[in-house]
Amino acid sequence: MSENEAKQASAAPGGERVASLNLRFEFASYADTRRFLDEMADLSKREDYYPDVSFGKTYANISIDGDGQTALQQRNSNFINEIKVLAEQLTTAVGTAGSGTR
């Protein structure tokens, strides 16, 4: 899993800028990727939040812009952490890069 915060940011309430959060998860097989995507879809329905997703056979990229992060924080949502926990159950070890997350 790698985490990178993009340089582009959007303004949060109070004028604070929140950088986009980009997560990449690597999987051992397409079956693991598909399982992650299916379970993430269930999480999105439950939380009523749908991040930008791109994926291939053995990876998934999740992008949450600053506005999305702000909205999730205002709802006291645990969406981002739940995605990470879900991915940790299925990912191969690829290391972590980038700065911390919210």
C-alpha atoms as a PDB file:
ATOM      1  CA  MET A   1       0.000   0.000   0.000  1.00  0.00           C
ATOM      2  CA  SER A   2       1.294   3.450  -0.759  1.00  0.00           C
ATOM      3  CA  GLU A   3      -0.201   6.746   0.261  1.00  0.00           C
ATOM      4  CA  ASN A   4       0.538  10.016  -1.472  1.00  0.00           C
ATOM      5  CA  GLU A   5      -1.043  13.349  -0.885  1.00  0.00           C
ATOM      6  CA  ALA A   6      -1.359  15.271  -4.123  1.00  0.00           C
ATOM      7  CA  LYS A   7      -0.085  18.811  -4.459  1.00  0.00           C
ATOM      8  CA  GLN A   8      -3.522  20.086  -5.438  1.00  0.00           C
ATOM      9  CA  ALA A   9      -5.637  21.121  -2.480  1.00  0.00           C
ATOM     10  CA  SER A  10      -9.078  22.540  -1.911  1.00  0.00           C
ATOM     11  CA  ALA A  11     -10.190  24.946   0.767  1.00  0.00           C
ATOM     12  CA  ALA A  12     -11.737  23.533   3.911  1.00  0.00           C
ATOM     13  CA  PRO A  13     -14.060  25.506   6.187  1.00  0.00           C
ATOM     14  CA  GLY A  14     -12.099  28.288   7.828  1.00  0.00           C
ATOM     15  CA  GLY A  15      -9.801  28.665   4.815  1.00  0.00           C
ATOM     16  CA  GLU A  16      -7.536  25.706   5.668  1.00  0.00           C
ATOM     17  CA  ARG A  17      -6.490  23.805   2.560  1.00  0.00           C
ATOM     18  CA  VAL A  18      -6.764  20.019   2.548  1.00  0.00           C
ATOM     19  CA  ALA A  19      -4.583  18.087   0.093  1.00  0.00           C
ATOM     20  CA  SER A  20      -6.062  15.277  -1.960  1.00  0.00           C
ATOM     21  CA  LEU A  21      -5.424  11.817  -0.558  1.00  0.00           C
ATOM     22  CA  ASN A  22      -4.338   9.147  -3.032  1.00  0.00           C
ATOM     23  CA  LEU A  23      -4.120   5.533  -1.891  1.00  0.00           C
ATOM     24  CA  ARG A  24      -2.738   2.631  -3.923  1.00  0.00           C
ATOM     25  CA  PHE A  25      -3.261  -0.954  -2.870  1.00  0.00           C
ATOM     26  CA  GLU A  26      -1.488  -3.918  -4.489  1.00  0.00           C
ATOM     27  CA  PHE A  27      -3.077  -7.375  -4.456  1.00  0.00           C
ATOM     28  CA  ALA A  28      -1.736 -10.856  -5.164  1.00  0.00           C
ATOM     29  CA  SER A  29      -4.514 -11.760  -7.610  1.00  0.00           C
ATOM     30  CA  TYR A  30      -7.508 -10.421  -9.490  1.00  0.00           C
ATOM     31  CA  ALA A  31      -9.753 -12.325  -7.062  1.00  0.00           C
ATOM     32  CA  ASP A  32      -8.306 -10.316  -4.155  1.00  0.00           C
ATOM     33  CA  THR A  33      -8.695  -7.070  -6.109  1.00  0.00           C
ATOM     34  CA  ARG A  34     -12.321  -7.908  -6.944  1.00  0.00           C
ATOM     35  CA  ARG A  35     -13.067  -8.795  -3.313  1.00  0.00           C
ATOM     36  CA  PHE A  36     -11.599  -5.471  -2.150  1.00  0.00           C
ATOM     37  CA  LEU A  37     -13.643  -3.531  -4.725  1.00  0.00           C
ATOM     38  CA  ASP A  38     -16.857  -5.363  -3.809  1.00  0.00           C
ATOM     39  CA  GLU A  39     -16.358  -4.778  -0.087  1.00  0.00           C
ATOM     40  CA  MET A  40     -15.397  -1.154  -0.696  1.00  0.00           C
ATOM     41  CA  ALA A  41     -18.625  -0.731  -2.709  1.00  0.00           C
ATOM     42  CA  ASP A  42     -20.592  -1.998   0.303  1.00  0.00           C
ATOM     43  CA  LEU A  43     -18.728   0.476   2.525  1.00  0.00           C
ATOM     44  CA  SER A  44     -19.455   3.310   0.073  1.00  0.00           C
ATOM     45  CA  LYS A  45     -23.167   2.488   0.083  1.00  0.00           C
ATOM     46  CA  ARG A  46     -23.236   2.395   3.879  1.00  0.00           C
ATOM     47  CA  GLU A  47     -21.339   5.695   4.209  1.00  0.00           C
ATOM     48  CA  ASP A  48     -23.011   7.297   1.160  1.00  0.00           C
ATOM     49  CA  TYR A  49     -19.590   8.386  -0.086  1.00  0.00           C
ATOM     50  CA  TYR A  50     -18.076   7.333  -3.392  1.00  0.00           C
ATOM     51  CA  PRO A  51     -14.369   8.152  -3.925  1.00  0.00           C
ATOM     52  CA  ASP A  52     -12.672   8.171  -7.316  1.00  0.00           C
ATOM     53  CA  VAL A  53     -11.471   4.628  -8.040  1.00  0.00           C
ATOM     54  CA  SER A  54      -9.279   3.198 -10.766  1.00  0.00           C
ATOM     55  CA  PHE A  55      -8.030  -0.361 -10.822  1.00  0.00           C
ATOM     56  CA  GLY A  56      -6.259  -3.021 -12.784  1.00  0.00           C
ATOM     57  CA  LYS A  57      -5.802  -6.754 -12.400  1.00  0.00           C
ATOM     58  CA  THR A  58      -3.822  -6.561  -9.158  1.00  0.00           C
ATOM     59  CA  TYR A  59      -4.150  -2.998  -7.864  1.00  0.00           C
ATOM     60  CA  ALA A  60      -6.644  -0.309  -6.921  1.00  0.00           C
ATOM     61  CA  ASN A  61      -6.106   3.444  -6.697  1.00  0.00           C
ATOM     62  CA  ILE A  62      -8.438   5.434  -4.447  1.00  0.00           C
ATOM     63  CA  SER A  63      -8.523   9.251  -4.572  1.00  0.00           C
ATOM     64  CA  ILE A  64     -10.338  11.428  -2.068  1.00  0.00           C
ATOM     65  CA  ASP A  65     -10.140  15.140  -2.782  1.00  0.00           C
ATOM     66  CA  GLY A  66      -9.988  17.809  -0.097  1.00  0.00           C
ATOM     67  CA  ASP A  67     -13.726  18.453  -0.273  1.00  0.00           C
ATOM     68  CA  GLY A  68     -14.421  14.747   0.198  1.00  0.00           C
ATOM     69  CA  GLN A  69     -12.099  14.535   3.194  1.00  0.00           C
ATOM     70  CA  THR A  70     -13.741  17.583   4.746  1.00  0.00           C
ATOM     71  CA  ALA A  71     -17.213  16.096   4.215  1.00  0.00           C
ATOM     72  CA  LEU A  72     -16.141  12.794   5.784  1.00  0.00           C
ATOM     73  CA  GLN A  73     -14.627  14.602   8.783  1.00  0.00           C
ATOM     74  CA  GLN A  74     -17.793  16.650   9.291  1.00  0.00           C
ATOM     75  CA  ARG A  75     -19.805  13.413   9.411  1.00  0.00           C
ATOM     76  CA  ASN A  76     -17.295  11.830  11.820  1.00  0.00           C
ATOM     77  CA  SER A  77     -16.886   9.099   9.239  1.00  0.00           C
ATOM     78  CA  ASN A  78     -14.271   6.386   9.582  1.00  0.00           C
ATOM     79  CA  PHE A  79     -14.382   5.697   5.822  1.00  0.00           C
ATOM     80  CA  ILE A  80     -10.670   6.212   5.100  1.00  0.00           C
ATOM     81  CA  ASN A  81      -9.513   4.034   7.993  1.00  0.00           C
ATOM     82  CA  GLU A  82     -12.018   1.324   7.091  1.00  0.00           C
ATOM     83  CA  ILE A  83     -10.687   1.221   3.516  1.00  0.00           C
ATOM     84  CA  LYS A  84      -7.150   0.833   4.865  1.00  0.00           C
ATOM     85  CA  VAL A  85      -8.160  -1.984   7.224  1.00  0.00           C
ATOM     86  CA  LEU A  86     -10.025  -3.749   4.428  1.00  0.00           C
ATOM     87  CA  ALA A  87      -7.032  -3.458   2.114  1.00  0.00           C
ATOM     88  CA  GLU A  88      -4.591  -4.665   4.782  1.00  0.00           C
ATOM     89  CA  GLN A  89      -6.558  -7.902   4.961  1.00  0.00           C
ATOM     90  CA  LEU A  90      -5.988  -8.508   1.237  1.00  0.00           C
ATOM     91  CA  THR A  91      -2.835  -6.689   0.117  1.00  0.00           C
ATOM     92  CA  THR A  92       0.652  -7.886  -0.592  1.00  0.00           C
ATOM     93  CA  ALA A  93       3.521  -6.081   1.086  1.00  0.00           C
ATOM     94  CA  VAL A  94       4.635  -3.223  -1.168  1.00  0.00           C
ATOM     95  CA  GLY A  95       5.723  -0.686   1.438  1.00  0.00           C
ATOM     96  CA  THR A  96       4.331   2.663   2.466  1.00  0.00           C
ATOM     97  CA  ALA A  97       5.369   5.996   1.038  1.00  0.00           C
ATOM     98  CA  GLY A  98       4.184   9.551   1.379  1.00  0.00           C
ATOM     99  CA  SER A  99       2.948  11.613   4.252  1.00  0.00           C
ATOM    100  CA  GLY A 100       0.455  10.810   6.974  1.00  0.00           C
ATOM    101  CA  THR A 101      -3.287  10.675   6.537  1.00  0.00           C
ATOM    102  CA  ARG A 102      -6.197  12.170   8.332  1.00  0.00           C
END
